[in-house]
Protein backbone atom coordinates (compact mmCIF):
# COMPACT_ATOMS: atom_id res chain seq x y z
CA UNK A 1 0.00 0.00 0.00
CA UNK A 2 1.45 3.38 -0.92
CA UNK A 3 1.19 6.54 1.08
CA UNK A 4 -1.24 9.17 -0.14
CA UNK A 5 -0.28 12.79 0.26
CA UNK A 6 -3.14 15.22 0.65
CA UNK A 7 -2.40 18.90 1.09
CA UNK A 8 -4.77 21.24 2.84
CA UNK A 9 -5.16 24.92 2.04
CA UNK A 10 -6.80 26.92 4.81
CA UNK A 11 -8.10 23.68 6.29
CA UNK A 12 -9.87 22.65 3.07
CA UNK A 13 -8.62 19.90 0.77
CA UNK A 14 -8.32 20.82 -2.90
CA UNK A 15 -8.42 18.80 -6.09
CA UNK A 16 -5.23 18.06 -7.99
CA UNK A 17 -2.55 15.50 -8.87
CA UNK A 18 -0.89 14.00 -5.79
CA UNK A 19 2.42 12.14 -6.02
CA UNK A 20 3.16 9.18 -3.79
CA UNK A 21 6.50 7.38 -3.59
CA UNK A 22 6.71 3.89 -5.06
CA UNK A 23 10.52 3.69 -4.71
CA UNK A 24 13.33 6.01 -3.73
CA UNK A 25 13.53 8.67 -1.04
CA UNK A 26 12.82 12.04 -2.68
CA UNK A 27 12.65 15.14 -0.46
CA UNK A 28 9.11 15.91 0.71
CA UNK A 29 9.39 19.58 -0.32
CA UNK A 30 10.01 18.47 -3.94
CA UNK A 31 6.89 16.27 -3.87
CA UNK A 32 4.89 19.33 -2.78
CA UNK A 33 6.43 21.34 -5.64
CA UNK A 34 5.50 18.59 -8.12
CA UNK A 35 1.94 18.64 -6.80
CA UNK A 36 1.76 22.42 -7.35
CA UNK A 37 3.34 22.17 -10.83
CA UNK A 38 0.77 19.59 -11.98
CA UNK A 39 -2.28 21.11 -10.24
CA UNK A 40 -3.60 22.69 -13.46
CA UNK A 41 -3.47 19.38 -15.41
CA UNK A 42 -6.85 17.88 -16.40
CA UNK A 43 -8.61 15.52 -14.01
CA UNK A 44 -8.59 11.79 -14.78
CA UNK A 45 -9.39 8.61 -12.93
CA UNK A 46 -6.33 6.77 -14.26
CA UNK A 47 -3.10 6.72 -12.28
CA UNK A 48 0.30 7.48 -13.79
CA UNK A 49 3.84 6.40 -13.00
CA UNK A 50 6.75 8.87 -13.26
CA UNK A 51 10.39 7.80 -13.27
CA UNK A 52 13.40 9.89 -12.28
CA UNK A 53 16.93 8.60 -12.78
CA UNK A 54 20.37 10.15 -12.28
CA UNK A 55 18.86 13.46 -11.16
CA UNK A 56 16.64 13.85 -14.23
CA UNK A 57 13.02 13.22 -15.19
CA UNK A 58 12.86 10.19 -17.52
CA UNK A 59 9.22 9.52 -18.44
CA UNK A 60 5.60 9.41 -17.31
CA UNK A 61 3.08 6.81 -18.45
CA UNK A 62 -0.38 5.58 -17.44
CA UNK A 63 -0.34 2.52 -15.20
CA UNK A 64 -0.94 -0.67 -17.16
CA UNK A 65 -4.64 -1.31 -17.56
CA UNK A 66 -5.54 2.39 -17.36
CA UNK A 67 -8.61 3.23 -19.38
CA UNK A 68 -7.25 6.25 -21.14
CA UNK A 69 -3.98 7.12 -22.80
CA UNK A 70 -4.54 10.87 -22.84
CA UNK A 71 -1.81 12.68 -24.79
CA UNK A 72 -2.83 16.14 -23.53
CA UNK A 73 -2.75 14.96 -19.91
CA UNK A 74 0.58 13.23 -20.46
CA UNK A 75 2.11 16.42 -21.91
CA UNK A 76 0.82 18.49 -19.00
CA UNK A 77 2.12 16.06 -16.36
CA UNK A 78 5.47 15.81 -18.18
CA UNK A 79 5.89 19.59 -18.18
CA UNK A 80 5.22 19.79 -14.43
CA UNK A 81 7.51 16.86 -13.63
CA UNK A 82 10.39 18.26 -15.67
CA UNK A 83 10.28 21.48 -13.63
CA UNK A 84 11.28 19.61 -10.45
CA UNK A 85 13.86 16.87 -11.07
CA UNK A 86 14.44 14.61 -8.09
CA UNK A 87 18.05 14.19 -6.90
CA UNK A 88 17.63 10.44 -6.25
CA UNK A 89 16.41 7.60 -8.46
CA UNK A 90 12.69 7.50 -7.78
CA UNK A 91 9.43 6.07 -9.02
CA UNK A 92 6.31 8.13 -8.26
CA UNK A 93 2.64 7.27 -8.62
CA UNK A 94 0.45 10.22 -9.63
CA UNK A 95 -3.22 10.10 -8.69
CA UNK A 96 -5.86 12.76 -9.17
CA UNK A 97 -7.36 13.61 -5.80
CA UNK A 98 -10.69 15.35 -5.51
CA UNK A 99 -12.27 15.71 -2.05
CA UNK A 100 -15.79 15.12 -3.40
CA UNK A 101 -14.65 11.99 -5.26
CA UNK A 102 -12.83 10.68 -2.20
CA UNK A 103 -15.94 11.21 -0.04
CA UNK A 104 -18.15 9.40 -2.56
CA UNK A 105 -15.65 6.50 -2.89
CA UNK A 106 -15.61 6.04 0.89
CA UNK A 107 -19.44 5.91 0.87
CA UNK A 108 -19.40 3.39 -2.02
CA UNK A 109 -16.70 1.20 -0.48
CA UNK A 110 -18.29 0.96 2.96
CA UNK A 111 -21.15 -1.39 1.97
CA UNK A 112 -18.82 -3.40 -0.29
CA UNK A 113 -16.29 -3.92 2.48
CA UNK A 114 -19.08 -4.73 4.97
CA UNK A 115 -20.49 -7.31 2.54
CA UNK A 116 -17.02 -8.86 2.13
CA UNK A 117 -16.53 -9.03 5.89
CA UNK A 118 -13.39 -9.29 8.04
CA UNK A 119 -10.10 -9.65 6.16
CA UNK A 120 -6.43 -9.26 7.01
CA UNK A 121 -5.16 -5.81 6.02
CA UNK A 122 -2.75 -5.21 3.15
CA UNK A 123 -4.39 -6.10 -0.15
CA UNK A 124 -7.47 -5.28 -2.17
CA UNK A 125 -9.26 -6.41 -5.32
CA UNK A 126 -9.87 -3.56 -7.75
CA UNK A 127 -13.34 -3.83 -9.26
CA UNK A 128 -14.36 -1.80 -12.30
CA UNK A 129 -18.01 -0.72 -12.22
CA UNK A 130 -19.70 0.63 -15.36
CA UNK A 131 -21.62 3.87 -14.76
CA UNK A 132 -24.94 4.41 -16.55
CA UNK A 133 -26.29 7.82 -17.60
CA UNK A 134 -28.11 8.24 -14.25
CA UNK A 135 -24.88 7.56 -12.31
CA UNK A 136 -25.90 4.07 -11.16
CA UNK A 137 -23.20 1.42 -10.97
CA UNK A 138 -23.58 -1.75 -13.03
CA UNK A 139 -22.13 -5.25 -12.68
CA UNK A 140 -18.37 -5.03 -12.08
CA UNK A 141 -15.43 -6.83 -13.61
CA UNK A 142 -12.12 -7.55 -11.89
CA UNK A 143 -9.83 -4.74 -13.10
CA UNK A 144 -6.81 -5.78 -11.02
CA UNK A 145 -6.44 -8.82 -8.81
CA UNK A 146 -5.15 -8.64 -5.26
CA UNK A 147 -2.79 -11.59 -5.64
CA UNK A 148 -5.19 -13.60 -3.43
CA UNK A 149 -7.67 -15.58 -5.56
CA UNK A 150 -9.93 -16.06 -2.54
CA UNK A 151 -10.14 -12.29 -1.92
CA UNK A 152 -10.76 -11.58 -5.61
CA UNK A 153 -13.57 -14.15 -5.78
CA UNK A 154 -15.18 -12.97 -2.54
CA UNK A 155 -14.97 -9.31 -3.62
CA UNK A 156 -16.77 -10.12 -6.88
CA UNK A 157 -19.44 -12.10 -5.00
CA UNK A 158 -19.86 -9.23 -2.50
CA UNK A 159 -20.32 -6.72 -5.34
CA UNK A 160 -23.02 -8.90 -6.92
CA UNK A 161 -24.95 -9.53 -3.69
CA UNK A 162 -28.66 -8.85 -4.30
CA UNK A 163 -28.98 -6.91 -1.02
CA UNK A 164 -26.09 -4.57 -1.83
CA UNK A 165 -27.04 -0.98 -2.62
CA UNK A 166 -24.27 1.36 -3.73
CA UNK A 167 -24.72 5.13 -3.92
CA UNK A 168 -24.97 6.53 -7.45
CA UNK A 169 -22.11 8.64 -8.77
CA UNK A 170 -23.05 12.31 -8.27
CA UNK A 171 -23.57 14.19 -11.54
CA UNK A 172 -20.69 16.55 -10.68
CA UNK A 173 -18.27 13.57 -10.62
CA UNK A 174 -19.47 11.76 -13.75
CA UNK A 175 -17.09 13.73 -15.98
CA UNK A 176 -14.14 12.73 -13.77
CA UNK A 177 -15.00 9.03 -13.85
CA UNK A 178 -16.31 8.79 -17.40
CA UNK A 179 -18.08 5.51 -18.15
CA UNK A 180 -16.65 3.48 -15.26
CA UNK A 181 -15.12 3.73 -11.80
CA UNK A 182 -12.53 1.50 -10.10
CA UNK A 183 -13.02 0.69 -6.42
CA UNK A 184 -10.41 -1.14 -4.34
CA UNK A 185 -12.32 -3.63 -2.14
CA UNK A 186 -10.42 -4.96 0.88
CA UNK A 187 -13.07 -6.00 3.38
CA UNK A 188 -13.38 -4.91 6.99
CA UNK A 189 -10.09 -4.94 8.88
CA UNK A 190 -10.06 -8.00 11.13
CA UNK A 191 -9.76 -7.21 14.85
CA UNK A 192 -6.69 -8.58 16.59
C-alpha atoms as a PDB file:
ATOM      1  CA  UNK A   1       0.000   0.000   0.000  1.00  0.00           C
ATOM      2  CA  UNK A   2       1.446   3.377  -0.919  1.00  0.00           C
ATOM      3  CA  UNK A   3       1.189   6.541   1.079  1.00  0.00           C
ATOM      4  CA  UNK A   4      -1.236   9.173  -0.137  1.00  0.00           C
ATOM      5  CA  UNK A   5      -0.276  12.785   0.257  1.00  0.00           C
ATOM      6  CA  UNK A   6      -3.137  15.222   0.649  1.00  0.00           C
ATOM      7  CA  UNK A   7      -2.403  18.903   1.087  1.00  0.00           C
ATOM      8  CA  UNK A   8      -4.766  21.241   2.838  1.00  0.00           C
ATOM      9  CA  UNK A   9      -5.165  24.917   2.035  1.00  0.00           C
ATOM     10  CA  UNK A  10      -6.797  26.924   4.809  1.00  0.00           C
ATOM     11  CA  UNK A  11      -8.102  23.685   6.286  1.00  0.00           C
ATOM     12  CA  UNK A  12      -9.873  22.650   3.074  1.00  0.00           C
ATOM     13  CA  UNK A  13      -8.624  19.904   0.770  1.00  0.00           C
ATOM     14  CA  UNK A  14      -8.322  20.816  -2.904  1.00  0.00           C
ATOM     15  CA  UNK A  15      -8.420  18.799  -6.091  1.00  0.00           C
ATOM     16  CA  UNK A  16      -5.227  18.058  -7.994  1.00  0.00           C
ATOM     17  CA  UNK A  17      -2.554  15.504  -8.866  1.00  0.00           C
ATOM     18  CA  UNK A  18      -0.888  14.000  -5.786  1.00  0.00           C
ATOM     19  CA  UNK A  19       2.419  12.137  -6.024  1.00  0.00           C
ATOM     20  CA  UNK A  20       3.159   9.175  -3.790  1.00  0.00           C
ATOM     21  CA  UNK A  21       6.496   7.381  -3.593  1.00  0.00           C
ATOM     22  CA  UNK A  22       6.715   3.885  -5.062  1.00  0.00           C
ATOM     23  CA  UNK A  23      10.519   3.689  -4.706  1.00  0.00           C
ATOM     24  CA  UNK A  24      13.328   6.013  -3.732  1.00  0.00           C
ATOM     25  CA  UNK A  25      13.527   8.672  -1.042  1.00  0.00           C
ATOM     26  CA  UNK A  26      12.824  12.041  -2.676  1.00  0.00           C
ATOM     27  CA  UNK A  27      12.648  15.144  -0.465  1.00  0.00           C
ATOM     28  CA  UNK A  28       9.108  15.908   0.709  1.00  0.00           C
ATOM     29  CA  UNK A  29       9.388  19.576  -0.322  1.00  0.00           C
ATOM     30  CA  UNK A  30      10.007  18.468  -3.944  1.00  0.00           C
ATOM     31  CA  UNK A  31       6.885  16.273  -3.866  1.00  0.00           C
ATOM     32  CA  UNK A  32       4.886  19.332  -2.779  1.00  0.00           C
ATOM     33  CA  UNK A  33       6.428  21.342  -5.636  1.00  0.00           C
ATOM     34  CA  UNK A  34       5.501  18.590  -8.124  1.00  0.00           C
ATOM     35  CA  UNK A  35       1.936  18.644  -6.804  1.00  0.00           C
ATOM     36  CA  UNK A  36       1.761  22.417  -7.353  1.00  0.00           C
ATOM     37  CA  UNK A  37       3.344  22.172 -10.830  1.00  0.00           C
ATOM     38  CA  UNK A  38       0.769  19.587 -11.981  1.00  0.00           C
ATOM     39  CA  UNK A  39      -2.282  21.113 -10.238  1.00  0.00           C
ATOM     40  CA  UNK A  40      -3.596  22.690 -13.460  1.00  0.00           C
ATOM     41  CA  UNK A  41      -3.470  19.384 -15.405  1.00  0.00           C
ATOM     42  CA  UNK A  42      -6.847  17.877 -16.395  1.00  0.00           C
ATOM     43  CA  UNK A  43      -8.614  15.517 -14.009  1.00  0.00           C
ATOM     44  CA  UNK A  44      -8.589  11.790 -14.777  1.00  0.00           C
ATOM     45  CA  UNK A  45      -9.394   8.609 -12.932  1.00  0.00           C
ATOM     46  CA  UNK A  46      -6.333   6.774 -14.264  1.00  0.00           C
ATOM     47  CA  UNK A  47      -3.102   6.719 -12.282  1.00  0.00           C
ATOM     48  CA  UNK A  48       0.297   7.484 -13.788  1.00  0.00           C
ATOM     49  CA  UNK A  49       3.843   6.405 -12.997  1.00  0.00           C
ATOM     50  CA  UNK A  50       6.748   8.870 -13.260  1.00  0.00           C
ATOM     51  CA  UNK A  51      10.394   7.796 -13.272  1.00  0.00           C
ATOM     52  CA  UNK A  52      13.399   9.890 -12.279  1.00  0.00           C
ATOM     53  CA  UNK A  53      16.926   8.596 -12.783  1.00  0.00           C
ATOM     54  CA  UNK A  54      20.374  10.147 -12.276  1.00  0.00           C
ATOM     55  CA  UNK A  55      18.859  13.457 -11.157  1.00  0.00           C
ATOM     56  CA  UNK A  56      16.640  13.850 -14.228  1.00  0.00           C
ATOM     57  CA  UNK A  57      13.022  13.218 -15.192  1.00  0.00           C
ATOM     58  CA  UNK A  58      12.858  10.194 -17.521  1.00  0.00           C
ATOM     59  CA  UNK A  59       9.223   9.516 -18.436  1.00  0.00           C
ATOM     60  CA  UNK A  60       5.603   9.413 -17.312  1.00  0.00           C
ATOM     61  CA  UNK A  61       3.078   6.814 -18.449  1.00  0.00           C
ATOM     62  CA  UNK A  62      -0.377   5.584 -17.439  1.00  0.00           C
ATOM     63  CA  UNK A  63      -0.340   2.523 -15.201  1.00  0.00           C
ATOM     64  CA  UNK A  64      -0.938  -0.669 -17.161  1.00  0.00           C
ATOM     65  CA  UNK A  65      -4.638  -1.311 -17.555  1.00  0.00           C
ATOM     66  CA  UNK A  66      -5.535   2.391 -17.363  1.00  0.00           C
ATOM     67  CA  UNK A  67      -8.613   3.229 -19.382  1.00  0.00           C
ATOM     68  CA  UNK A  68      -7.250   6.251 -21.138  1.00  0.00           C
ATOM     69  CA  UNK A  69      -3.981   7.118 -22.797  1.00  0.00           C
ATOM     70  CA  UNK A  70      -4.538  10.868 -22.839  1.00  0.00           C
ATOM     71  CA  UNK A  71      -1.810  12.683 -24.786  1.00  0.00           C
ATOM     72  CA  UNK A  72      -2.833  16.141 -23.527  1.00  0.00           C
ATOM     73  CA  UNK A  73      -2.754  14.964 -19.914  1.00  0.00           C
ATOM     74  CA  UNK A  74       0.578  13.231 -20.461  1.00  0.00           C
ATOM     75  CA  UNK A  75       2.114  16.419 -21.911  1.00  0.00           C
ATOM     76  CA  UNK A  76       0.816  18.485 -19.000  1.00  0.00           C
ATOM     77  CA  UNK A  77       2.122  16.060 -16.363  1.00  0.00           C
ATOM     78  CA  UNK A  78       5.474  15.814 -18.180  1.00  0.00           C
ATOM     79  CA  UNK A  79       5.889  19.595 -18.176  1.00  0.00           C
ATOM     80  CA  UNK A  80       5.219  19.791 -14.430  1.00  0.00           C
ATOM     81  CA  UNK A  81       7.509  16.856 -13.626  1.00  0.00           C
ATOM     82  CA  UNK A  82      10.395  18.258 -15.670  1.00  0.00           C
ATOM     83  CA  UNK A  83      10.277  21.481 -13.626  1.00  0.00           C
ATOM     84  CA  UNK A  84      11.280  19.614 -10.448  1.00  0.00           C
ATOM     85  CA  UNK A  85      13.855  16.872 -11.067  1.00  0.00           C
ATOM     86  CA  UNK A  86      14.445  14.608  -8.086  1.00  0.00           C
ATOM     87  CA  UNK A  87      18.052  14.194  -6.899  1.00  0.00           C
ATOM     88  CA  UNK A  88      17.633  10.444  -6.245  1.00  0.00           C
ATOM     89  CA  UNK A  89      16.414   7.597  -8.459  1.00  0.00           C
ATOM     90  CA  UNK A  90      12.685   7.500  -7.777  1.00  0.00           C
ATOM     91  CA  UNK A  91       9.429   6.072  -9.016  1.00  0.00           C
ATOM     92  CA  UNK A  92       6.313   8.129  -8.261  1.00  0.00           C
ATOM     93  CA  UNK A  93       2.636   7.274  -8.617  1.00  0.00           C
ATOM     94  CA  UNK A  94       0.453  10.221  -9.627  1.00  0.00           C
ATOM     95  CA  UNK A  95      -3.222  10.099  -8.686  1.00  0.00           C
ATOM     96  CA  UNK A  96      -5.863  12.759  -9.169  1.00  0.00           C
ATOM     97  CA  UNK A  97      -7.360  13.606  -5.801  1.00  0.00           C
ATOM     98  CA  UNK A  98     -10.693  15.347  -5.513  1.00  0.00           C
ATOM     99  CA  UNK A  99     -12.269  15.715  -2.047  1.00  0.00           C
ATOM    100  CA  UNK A 100     -15.794  15.124  -3.402  1.00  0.00           C
ATOM    101  CA  UNK A 101     -14.649  11.985  -5.259  1.00  0.00           C
ATOM    102  CA  UNK A 102     -12.830  10.679  -2.198  1.00  0.00           C
ATOM    103  CA  UNK A 103     -15.937  11.208  -0.039  1.00  0.00           C
ATOM    104  CA  UNK A 104     -18.151   9.396  -2.563  1.00  0.00           C
ATOM    105  CA  UNK A 105     -15.653   6.503  -2.895  1.00  0.00           C
ATOM    106  CA  UNK A 106     -15.612   6.040   0.891  1.00  0.00           C
ATOM    107  CA  UNK A 107     -19.438   5.909   0.871  1.00  0.00           C
ATOM    108  CA  UNK A 108     -19.403   3.395  -2.016  1.00  0.00           C
ATOM    109  CA  UNK A 109     -16.699   1.201  -0.478  1.00  0.00           C
ATOM    110  CA  UNK A 110     -18.286   0.959   2.956  1.00  0.00           C
ATOM    111  CA  UNK A 111     -21.155  -1.387   1.970  1.00  0.00           C
ATOM    112  CA  UNK A 112     -18.817  -3.396  -0.294  1.00  0.00           C
ATOM    113  CA  UNK A 113     -16.289  -3.917   2.483  1.00  0.00           C
ATOM    114  CA  UNK A 114     -19.077  -4.730   4.970  1.00  0.00           C
ATOM    115  CA  UNK A 115     -20.486  -7.308   2.538  1.00  0.00           C
ATOM    116  CA  UNK A 116     -17.023  -8.859   2.125  1.00  0.00           C
ATOM    117  CA  UNK A 117     -16.532  -9.035   5.890  1.00  0.00           C
ATOM    118  CA  UNK A 118     -13.394  -9.289   8.042  1.00  0.00           C
ATOM    119  CA  UNK A 119     -10.097  -9.645   6.160  1.00  0.00           C
ATOM    120  CA  UNK A 120      -6.433  -9.262   7.010  1.00  0.00           C
ATOM    121  CA  UNK A 121      -5.156  -5.808   6.015  1.00  0.00           C
ATOM    122  CA  UNK A 122      -2.753  -5.211   3.154  1.00  0.00           C
ATOM    123  CA  UNK A 123      -4.388  -6.096  -0.154  1.00  0.00           C
ATOM    124  CA  UNK A 124      -7.465  -5.279  -2.174  1.00  0.00           C
ATOM    125  CA  UNK A 125      -9.264  -6.407  -5.316  1.00  0.00           C
ATOM    126  CA  UNK A 126      -9.868  -3.556  -7.753  1.00  0.00           C
ATOM    127  CA  UNK A 127     -13.337  -3.833  -9.256  1.00  0.00           C
ATOM    128  CA  UNK A 128     -14.355  -1.795 -12.299  1.00  0.00           C
ATOM    129  CA  UNK A 129     -18.011  -0.721 -12.221  1.00  0.00           C
ATOM    130  CA  UNK A 130     -19.695   0.634 -15.364  1.00  0.00           C
ATOM    131  CA  UNK A 131     -21.625   3.870 -14.760  1.00  0.00           C
ATOM    132  CA  UNK A 132     -24.937   4.413 -16.546  1.00  0.00           C
ATOM    133  CA  UNK A 133     -26.287   7.822 -17.597  1.00  0.00           C
ATOM    134  CA  UNK A 134     -28.106   8.241 -14.250  1.00  0.00           C
ATOM    135  CA  UNK A 135     -24.881   7.555 -12.312  1.00  0.00           C
ATOM    136  CA  UNK A 136     -25.905   4.073 -11.165  1.00  0.00           C
ATOM    137  CA  UNK A 137     -23.200   1.415 -10.966  1.00  0.00           C
ATOM    138  CA  UNK A 138     -23.580  -1.753 -13.026  1.00  0.00           C
ATOM    139  CA  UNK A 139     -22.128  -5.249 -12.676  1.00  0.00           C
ATOM    140  CA  UNK A 140     -18.370  -5.027 -12.079  1.00  0.00           C
ATOM    141  CA  UNK A 141     -15.430  -6.832 -13.606  1.00  0.00           C
ATOM    142  CA  UNK A 142     -12.124  -7.553 -11.890  1.00  0.00           C
ATOM    143  CA  UNK A 143      -9.825  -4.742 -13.099  1.00  0.00           C
ATOM    144  CA  UNK A 144      -6.809  -5.783 -11.025  1.00  0.00           C
ATOM    145  CA  UNK A 145      -6.443  -8.820  -8.815  1.00  0.00           C
ATOM    146  CA  UNK A 146      -5.153  -8.644  -5.256  1.00  0.00           C
ATOM    147  CA  UNK A 147      -2.791 -11.586  -5.643  1.00  0.00           C
ATOM    148  CA  UNK A 148      -5.189 -13.596  -3.430  1.00  0.00           C
ATOM    149  CA  UNK A 149      -7.672 -15.583  -5.558  1.00  0.00           C
ATOM    150  CA  UNK A 150      -9.933 -16.063  -2.538  1.00  0.00           C
ATOM    151  CA  UNK A 151     -10.137 -12.294  -1.915  1.00  0.00           C
ATOM    152  CA  UNK A 152     -10.760 -11.577  -5.609  1.00  0.00           C
ATOM    153  CA  UNK A 153     -13.569 -14.146  -5.779  1.00  0.00           C
ATOM    154  CA  UNK A 154     -15.183 -12.972  -2.537  1.00  0.00           C
ATOM    155  CA  UNK A 155     -14.973  -9.310  -3.617  1.00  0.00           C
ATOM    156  CA  UNK A 156     -16.773 -10.117  -6.879  1.00  0.00           C
ATOM    157  CA  UNK A 157     -19.442 -12.099  -4.996  1.00  0.00           C
ATOM    158  CA  UNK A 158     -19.864  -9.235  -2.498  1.00  0.00           C
ATOM    159  CA  UNK A 159     -20.318  -6.725  -5.337  1.00  0.00           C
ATOM    160  CA  UNK A 160     -23.016  -8.895  -6.923  1.00  0.00           C
ATOM    161  CA  UNK A 161     -24.948  -9.528  -3.691  1.00  0.00           C
ATOM    162  CA  UNK A 162     -28.658  -8.855  -4.299  1.00  0.00           C
ATOM    163  CA  UNK A 163     -28.983  -6.912  -1.022  1.00  0.00           C
ATOM    164  CA  UNK A 164     -26.088  -4.570  -1.833  1.00  0.00           C
ATOM    165  CA  UNK A 165     -27.040  -0.979  -2.624  1.00  0.00           C
ATOM    166  CA  UNK A 166     -24.273   1.364  -3.728  1.00  0.00           C
ATOM    167  CA  UNK A 167     -24.717   5.129  -3.920  1.00  0.00           C
ATOM    168  CA  UNK A 168     -24.973   6.529  -7.455  1.00  0.00           C
ATOM    169  CA  UNK A 169     -22.107   8.642  -8.768  1.00  0.00           C
ATOM    170  CA  UNK A 170     -23.046  12.310  -8.270  1.00  0.00           C
ATOM    171  CA  UNK A 171     -23.569  14.187 -11.537  1.00  0.00           C
ATOM    172  CA  UNK A 172     -20.692  16.553 -10.682  1.00  0.00           C
ATOM    173  CA  UNK A 173     -18.271  13.573 -10.620  1.00  0.00           C
ATOM    174  CA  UNK A 174     -19.466  11.759 -13.747  1.00  0.00           C
ATOM    175  CA  UNK A 175     -17.094  13.727 -15.981  1.00  0.00           C
ATOM    176  CA  UNK A 176     -14.137  12.733 -13.773  1.00  0.00           C
ATOM    177  CA  UNK A 177     -15.001   9.034 -13.846  1.00  0.00           C
ATOM    178  CA  UNK A 178     -16.315   8.787 -17.398  1.00  0.00           C
ATOM    179  CA  UNK A 179     -18.082   5.511 -18.153  1.00  0.00           C
ATOM    180  CA  UNK A 180     -16.648   3.482 -15.258  1.00  0.00           C
ATOM    181  CA  UNK A 181     -15.118   3.726 -11.800  1.00  0.00           C
ATOM    182  CA  UNK A 182     -12.530   1.498 -10.105  1.00  0.00           C
ATOM    183  CA  UNK A 183     -13.019   0.692  -6.424  1.00  0.00           C
ATOM    184  CA  UNK A 184     -10.410  -1.140  -4.336  1.00  0.00           C
ATOM    185  CA  UNK A 185     -12.321  -3.627  -2.137  1.00  0.00           C
ATOM    186  CA  UNK A 186     -10.421  -4.956   0.878  1.00  0.00           C
ATOM    187  CA  UNK A 187     -13.072  -5.997   3.381  1.00  0.00           C
ATOM    188  CA  UNK A 188     -13.381  -4.911   6.992  1.00  0.00           C
ATOM    189  CA  UNK A 189     -10.090  -4.941   8.881  1.00  0.00           C
ATOM    190  CA  UNK A 190     -10.055  -7.998  11.131  1.00  0.00           C
ATOM    191  CA  UNK A 191      -9.761  -7.214  14.847  1.00  0.00           C
ATOM    192  CA  UNK A 192      -6.695  -8.575  16.593  1.00  0.00           C
END
